Amino acid sequence: MSNVSISLRTLRSLTCASLATMMMAACGGGGGGSTPGTDTAAAGSGTSSSGAKTGSAAAAGQSTPKDGPFGQDAGNYTLTFSEEFNSFNPDLWNDKMWYESSNPTKNYTVEDGKLKIWPQRDASGKFFNRTIDSDGKYTQKYGYFEVEAKLPKGKGTWPAFWLFNHIGERRPEMDVMEAYAGGEGWGHNDANGVARPTVYAATVWEGASDSNNRQLGFKMYDAKTDLSEGFHKYAVKWEPNKQTYYFDGKEILVLNISMNDPMYLMLDLWQGSAAGMMDDSTPQGKSNSYEVNYVRAWQFK
């Protein structure tokens, strides 16, 4: 991942759109180039929410939107976005990237107060990517963005939470979390040979263009736990000249960079890149979902 010259996600979201006959694997790459606990950063230049959408509070015993960002002083923030996944809201979420058609094979749902996306073969017998995003429906510049999620297991699974935008030829991108079960250095295989994610990455791309992109920061973080066994909080505090990334409230990466484009929210389960391609060893179906308990955003007071 850290060895590629352009964003993996930008490359797949743009190049794969224009070269639809290419295999997804050709759009992947990276992974294994850095080790957990290492990071890179480069100086870069970084307004407000386009509006608030709020849902009901999370279940009893869990954090609620009024609690503020996990580990932060709630008094410093104003809630601007709260999706608690009591239902799937098509006025807020798309189920595809802007350049593609939605795969009619449904491999996602909202139930039990969670968004669930799982590995599945479509009618052609092939695994496919699923993206849930707020493109054209919600954007925000600066603030605190947090998701609570449980990751899937199995070769080829590539779950992510990121902030993104496509503005002309530019593709600014902040990958708050992406994991690659099955990739070397990203986890381990259990007794049944199923890949389990224990490491994830935060990555930032300048997004000048598809062919001219600069990585502004990258870190693989070893959570030292199976991320497919429980829920964890992945977050970023995005300030005009600084970005701070968090795992369960713990600071894992600080970048003194500036990014000044509003971005929309993305939740997805793709295959490929460092994770390899899904195959018969990848557990399919709802029981192996990328589960998202909530997505929340706050603006600074």
Protein backbone atom coordinates (compact mmCIF):
# COMPACT_ATOMS: atom_id res chain seq x y z
CA MET A 1 0.00 0.00 0.00
CA SER A 2 2.64 2.53 0.99
CA ASN A 3 4.72 1.69 -2.08
CA VAL A 4 2.17 2.73 -4.69
CA SER A 5 2.37 6.17 -6.23
CA ILE A 6 -1.36 6.81 -6.44
CA SER A 7 -4.25 6.04 -4.13
CA LEU A 8 -5.44 2.45 -4.28
CA ARG A 9 -9.00 3.58 -3.76
CA THR A 10 -8.77 6.47 -6.22
CA LEU A 11 -7.17 4.15 -8.76
CA ARG A 12 -9.93 1.60 -8.42
CA SER A 13 -12.72 4.15 -8.34
CA LEU A 14 -11.50 6.00 -11.43
CA THR A 15 -9.23 3.79 -13.50
CA CYS A 16 -11.49 0.76 -13.11
CA ALA A 17 -14.41 2.91 -14.21
CA SER A 18 -12.71 3.99 -17.41
CA LEU A 19 -11.10 0.61 -18.04
CA ALA A 20 -13.98 -1.64 -17.13
CA THR A 21 -12.50 -4.67 -18.81
CA MET A 22 -9.50 -4.75 -16.52
CA MET A 23 -9.46 -7.25 -13.68
CA MET A 24 -9.94 -5.78 -10.20
CA ALA A 25 -6.68 -7.32 -9.11
CA ALA A 26 -4.83 -5.12 -11.52
CA CYS A 27 -6.22 -2.11 -9.71
CA GLY A 28 -4.97 -3.30 -6.34
CA GLY A 29 -1.43 -3.59 -5.13
CA GLY A 30 0.33 -2.33 -2.10
CA GLY A 31 0.23 -3.91 1.29
CA GLY A 32 3.19 -5.47 2.95
CA GLY A 33 5.35 -2.46 2.19
CA SER A 34 5.29 -1.18 5.75
CA THR A 35 5.04 -2.80 9.12
CA PRO A 36 2.54 -2.16 11.89
CA GLY A 37 3.55 0.82 13.97
CA THR A 38 5.31 2.65 11.13
CA ASP A 39 3.98 5.79 9.53
CA THR A 40 4.87 8.33 6.87
CA ALA A 41 3.74 11.92 6.54
CA ALA A 42 4.26 14.88 4.27
CA ALA A 43 3.26 18.51 4.64
CA GLY A 44 0.36 19.52 2.56
CA SER A 45 -3.02 23.24 2.76
CA GLY A 46 -7.57 22.86 5.36
CA THR A 47 -15.87 24.50 5.77
CA SER A 48 -18.60 23.36 7.48
CA SER A 49 -21.35 20.80 7.32
CA SER A 50 -23.91 20.90 4.55
CA GLY A 51 -26.55 20.17 7.17
CA ALA A 52 -27.29 17.79 10.01
CA LYS A 53 -29.13 14.49 9.78
CA THR A 54 -29.77 12.74 13.04
CA GLY A 55 -31.24 9.41 14.06
CA SER A 56 -32.27 7.92 17.36
CA ALA A 57 -29.80 7.14 20.13
CA ALA A 58 -27.85 3.91 20.15
CA ALA A 59 -29.02 0.99 22.25
CA ALA A 60 -28.79 1.16 26.03
CA GLY A 61 -25.28 0.66 27.31
CA GLN A 62 -23.67 2.07 24.17
CA SER A 63 -22.44 5.59 23.54
CA THR A 64 -25.02 8.02 22.21
CA PRO A 65 -24.57 11.04 19.94
CA LYS A 66 -24.98 13.47 22.85
CA ASP A 67 -21.94 11.89 24.53
CA GLY A 68 -19.72 13.52 21.91
CA PRO A 69 -16.77 11.85 20.19
CA PHE A 70 -15.34 8.92 22.12
CA GLY A 71 -12.49 10.08 24.38
CA GLN A 72 -13.05 13.77 23.52
CA ASP A 73 -14.55 16.67 25.46
CA ALA A 74 -18.15 16.79 24.23
CA GLY A 75 -18.28 20.50 25.06
CA ASN A 76 -15.93 21.25 22.19
CA TYR A 77 -18.21 19.79 19.51
CA THR A 78 -21.62 20.22 17.89
CA LEU A 79 -23.26 17.11 16.42
CA THR A 80 -23.83 17.51 12.67
CA PHE A 81 -24.50 13.93 11.53
CA SER A 82 -25.79 10.85 13.33
CA GLU A 83 -26.69 7.64 11.51
CA GLU A 84 -27.72 4.97 14.03
CA PHE A 85 -28.99 2.56 11.34
CA ASN A 86 -32.53 2.02 12.52
CA SER A 87 -33.40 1.68 8.82
CA PHE A 88 -31.73 2.16 5.45
CA ASN A 89 -32.33 5.74 4.30
CA PRO A 90 -32.00 6.08 0.49
CA ASP A 91 -32.32 9.85 0.85
CA LEU A 92 -29.00 9.78 2.66
CA TRP A 93 -27.16 6.76 1.26
CA ASN A 94 -26.29 5.44 -2.20
CA ASP A 95 -25.43 1.76 -2.66
CA LYS A 96 -22.86 2.25 -5.40
CA MET A 97 -20.01 4.50 -6.50
CA TRP A 98 -20.98 7.43 -8.73
CA TYR A 99 -19.51 5.90 -11.90
CA GLU A 100 -21.13 2.46 -11.66
CA SER A 101 -24.51 0.72 -11.63
CA SER A 102 -25.75 -0.96 -8.48
CA ASN A 103 -25.24 -4.72 -8.50
CA PRO A 104 -28.77 -6.21 -8.24
CA THR A 105 -27.53 -9.00 -5.99
CA LYS A 106 -28.26 -7.56 -2.57
CA ASN A 107 -25.42 -8.20 -0.13
CA TYR A 108 -26.32 -5.57 2.44
CA THR A 109 -29.13 -4.77 4.85
CA VAL A 110 -29.94 -2.78 7.96
CA GLU A 111 -31.16 -4.85 10.88
CA ASP A 112 -30.70 -4.98 14.64
CA GLY A 113 -29.58 -1.35 14.50
CA LYS A 114 -26.62 -2.10 12.24
CA LEU A 115 -25.62 -1.78 8.62
CA LYS A 116 -24.38 -5.15 7.38
CA ILE A 117 -22.42 -5.77 4.17
CA TRP A 118 -21.18 -9.27 3.40
CA PRO A 119 -19.17 -11.21 0.79
CA GLN A 120 -21.46 -12.69 -1.84
CA ARG A 121 -21.34 -14.04 -5.37
CA ASP A 122 -23.69 -12.38 -7.83
CA ALA A 123 -25.78 -14.00 -10.57
CA SER A 124 -22.67 -14.44 -12.71
CA GLY A 125 -20.96 -16.38 -9.92
CA LYS A 126 -18.42 -13.64 -9.21
CA PHE A 127 -17.70 -11.77 -6.00
CA PHE A 128 -18.29 -8.03 -6.26
CA ASN A 129 -17.70 -4.76 -4.44
CA ARG A 130 -20.38 -2.94 -2.46
CA THR A 131 -20.18 0.74 -1.53
CA ILE A 132 -22.56 2.67 0.71
CA ASP A 133 -21.87 6.42 0.47
CA SER A 134 -23.40 9.87 0.94
CA ASP A 135 -22.14 11.28 -2.36
CA GLY A 136 -24.41 14.16 -3.41
CA LYS A 137 -26.38 13.88 -0.16
CA TYR A 138 -24.06 14.86 2.67
CA THR A 139 -20.62 16.45 2.88
CA GLN A 140 -18.62 18.15 5.61
CA LYS A 141 -15.31 19.97 5.90
CA TYR A 142 -13.37 19.67 9.17
CA GLY A 143 -14.65 18.13 12.36
CA TYR A 144 -14.60 14.76 14.05
CA PHE A 145 -15.76 11.65 12.22
CA GLU A 146 -16.33 8.34 13.99
CA VAL A 147 -17.61 4.87 13.12
CA GLU A 148 -18.12 1.87 15.37
CA ALA A 149 -17.72 -1.34 13.42
CA LYS A 150 -16.91 -5.03 13.39
CA LEU A 151 -14.91 -6.27 10.42
CA PRO A 152 -15.47 -9.39 8.31
CA LYS A 153 -13.02 -12.25 8.05
CA GLY A 154 -11.74 -14.23 5.11
CA LYS A 155 -9.37 -13.93 2.19
CA GLY A 156 -9.98 -10.93 -0.05
CA THR A 157 -12.17 -8.93 2.33
CA TRP A 158 -11.35 -5.22 2.21
CA PRO A 159 -13.67 -3.20 4.48
CA ALA A 160 -13.20 0.54 4.86
CA PHE A 161 -14.49 3.80 6.28
CA TRP A 162 -13.27 6.87 4.43
CA LEU A 163 -13.90 10.47 3.51
CA PHE A 164 -13.70 11.23 -0.19
CA ASN A 165 -14.73 13.53 -3.00
CA HIS A 166 -14.47 13.68 -6.79
CA ILE A 167 -14.07 17.27 -7.92
CA GLY A 168 -13.23 17.52 -11.58
CA GLU A 169 -10.09 15.42 -11.90
CA ARG A 170 -9.20 15.72 -8.21
CA ARG A 171 -9.78 12.88 -5.75
CA PRO A 172 -8.96 14.00 -2.16
CA GLU A 173 -9.14 11.02 0.18
CA MET A 174 -8.87 10.26 3.88
CA ASP A 175 -8.97 6.54 4.68
CA VAL A 176 -9.87 6.38 8.36
CA MET A 177 -9.86 2.58 8.35
CA GLU A 178 -9.16 -0.10 5.81
CA ALA A 179 -8.22 -3.70 6.56
CA TYR A 180 -6.97 -6.55 4.41
CA ALA A 181 -7.69 -9.96 5.93
CA GLY A 182 -5.61 -12.45 3.96
CA GLY A 183 -2.83 -10.00 3.22
CA GLU A 184 0.64 -10.67 4.57
CA GLY A 185 1.21 -8.72 7.77
CA TRP A 186 -2.47 -7.81 8.17
CA GLY A 187 -3.61 -10.66 10.40
CA HIS A 188 -3.43 -14.42 10.79
CA ASN A 189 -5.24 -17.57 9.75
CA ASP A 190 -7.31 -19.37 12.35
CA ALA A 191 -7.42 -23.13 12.94
CA ASN A 192 -9.79 -23.49 9.99
CA GLY A 193 -7.52 -21.55 7.67
CA VAL A 194 -9.78 -18.47 7.62
CA ALA A 195 -7.96 -15.13 7.51
CA ARG A 196 -8.59 -12.92 10.55
CA PRO A 197 -7.83 -9.17 10.54
CA THR A 198 -5.75 -7.84 13.43
CA VAL A 199 -4.10 -4.89 11.66
CA TYR A 200 -5.68 -1.97 9.81
CA ALA A 201 -4.39 1.18 8.14
CA ALA A 202 -5.11 4.89 8.03
CA THR A 203 -4.02 6.55 4.79
CA VAL A 204 -4.32 10.05 3.31
CA TRP A 205 -4.02 10.99 -0.35
CA GLU A 206 -3.75 14.50 -1.75
CA GLY A 207 -5.76 13.53 -4.82
CA ALA A 208 -4.39 16.11 -7.26
CA SER A 209 -5.49 13.83 -10.11
CA ASP A 210 -5.70 10.16 -10.94
CA SER A 211 -2.26 10.21 -12.54
CA ASN A 212 -0.66 12.67 -10.12
CA ASN A 213 -1.44 11.69 -6.55
CA ARG A 214 0.69 12.12 -3.46
CA GLN A 215 0.43 10.10 -0.31
CA LEU A 216 0.39 12.49 2.63
CA GLY A 217 0.36 9.91 5.41
CA PHE A 218 0.11 6.21 6.12
CA LYS A 219 0.15 3.94 9.13
CA MET A 220 -0.52 0.27 9.71
CA TYR A 221 -1.78 -0.20 13.26
CA ASP A 222 -1.63 -3.53 15.05
CA ALA A 223 -4.74 -3.68 17.26
CA LYS A 224 -3.45 -6.93 18.83
CA THR A 225 -6.96 -8.35 18.71
CA ASP A 226 -9.18 -10.02 16.14
CA LEU A 227 -11.10 -7.12 14.59
CA SER A 228 -13.76 -9.53 13.28
CA GLU A 229 -14.66 -10.62 16.82
CA GLY A 230 -15.95 -7.35 18.25
CA PHE A 231 -16.85 -3.72 17.66
CA HIS A 232 -14.23 -0.97 17.73
CA LYS A 233 -14.24 2.76 17.12
CA TYR A 234 -12.28 4.21 14.19
CA ALA A 235 -12.08 7.99 13.98
CA VAL A 236 -10.35 11.07 12.66
CA LYS A 237 -10.21 14.63 13.98
CA TRP A 238 -9.82 16.82 10.89
CA GLU A 239 -8.57 20.33 11.59
CA PRO A 240 -7.50 22.99 9.06
CA ASN A 241 -3.80 22.14 9.41
CA LYS A 242 -3.82 18.83 11.21
CA GLN A 243 -5.36 15.35 11.13
CA THR A 244 -5.39 12.96 14.09
CA TYR A 245 -6.49 9.34 13.71
CA TYR A 246 -7.83 7.23 16.58
CA PHE A 247 -8.52 3.60 17.44
CA ASP A 248 -10.92 3.19 20.38
CA GLY A 249 -9.99 6.70 21.49
CA LYS A 250 -6.25 6.05 21.28
CA GLU A 251 -4.23 8.37 19.05
CA ILE A 252 -2.44 6.31 16.40
CA LEU A 253 -1.39 8.85 13.75
CA VAL A 254 -0.91 12.63 13.61
CA LEU A 255 -0.36 14.46 10.33
CA ASN A 256 0.43 18.17 10.06
CA ILE A 257 -1.24 18.63 6.70
CA SER A 258 -3.99 20.76 5.20
CA MET A 259 -6.93 19.54 3.09
CA ASN A 260 -9.73 22.00 2.33
CA ASP A 261 -12.39 20.21 0.28
CA PRO A 262 -15.71 19.09 1.79
CA MET A 263 -15.91 15.30 1.68
CA TYR A 264 -18.66 12.74 1.76
CA LEU A 265 -18.83 9.56 3.84
CA MET A 266 -18.06 6.10 2.51
CA LEU A 267 -18.55 2.63 3.97
CA ASP A 268 -17.67 -0.29 1.77
CA LEU A 269 -16.70 -3.91 1.45
CA TRP A 270 -14.51 -4.46 -1.56
CA GLN A 271 -12.15 -7.25 -2.53
CA GLY A 272 -8.59 -7.22 -3.76
CA SER A 273 -5.48 -5.12 -3.20
CA ALA A 274 -3.34 -6.46 -0.35
CA ALA A 275 -6.17 -8.79 0.72
CA GLY A 276 -6.10 -10.74 -2.54
CA MET A 277 -9.29 -11.83 -4.25
CA MET A 278 -12.17 -13.55 -2.50
CA ASP A 279 -12.47 -17.26 -3.25
CA ASP A 280 -14.19 -20.41 -1.99
CA SER A 281 -12.37 -20.11 1.34
CA THR A 282 -14.02 -16.72 2.03
CA PRO A 283 -17.06 -17.11 4.28
CA GLN A 284 -20.13 -15.80 2.46
CA GLY A 285 -23.43 -14.51 3.76
CA LYS A 286 -24.78 -12.25 6.44
CA SER A 287 -23.03 -14.08 9.28
CA ASN A 288 -19.71 -12.71 7.97
CA SER A 289 -20.69 -9.07 7.61
CA TYR A 290 -18.86 -5.80 7.87
CA GLU A 291 -21.16 -4.50 10.60
CA VAL A 292 -21.47 -0.78 11.30
CA ASN A 293 -23.23 0.21 14.51
CA TYR A 294 -23.17 3.94 13.77
CA VAL A 295 -21.56 6.75 11.81
CA ARG A 296 -21.34 10.16 13.50
CA ALA A 297 -19.80 13.52 12.74
CA TRP A 298 -19.32 16.66 14.77
CA GLN A 299 -18.18 20.17 13.93
CA PHE A 300 -15.90 22.22 16.13
CA LYS A 301 -17.56 24.92 18.24
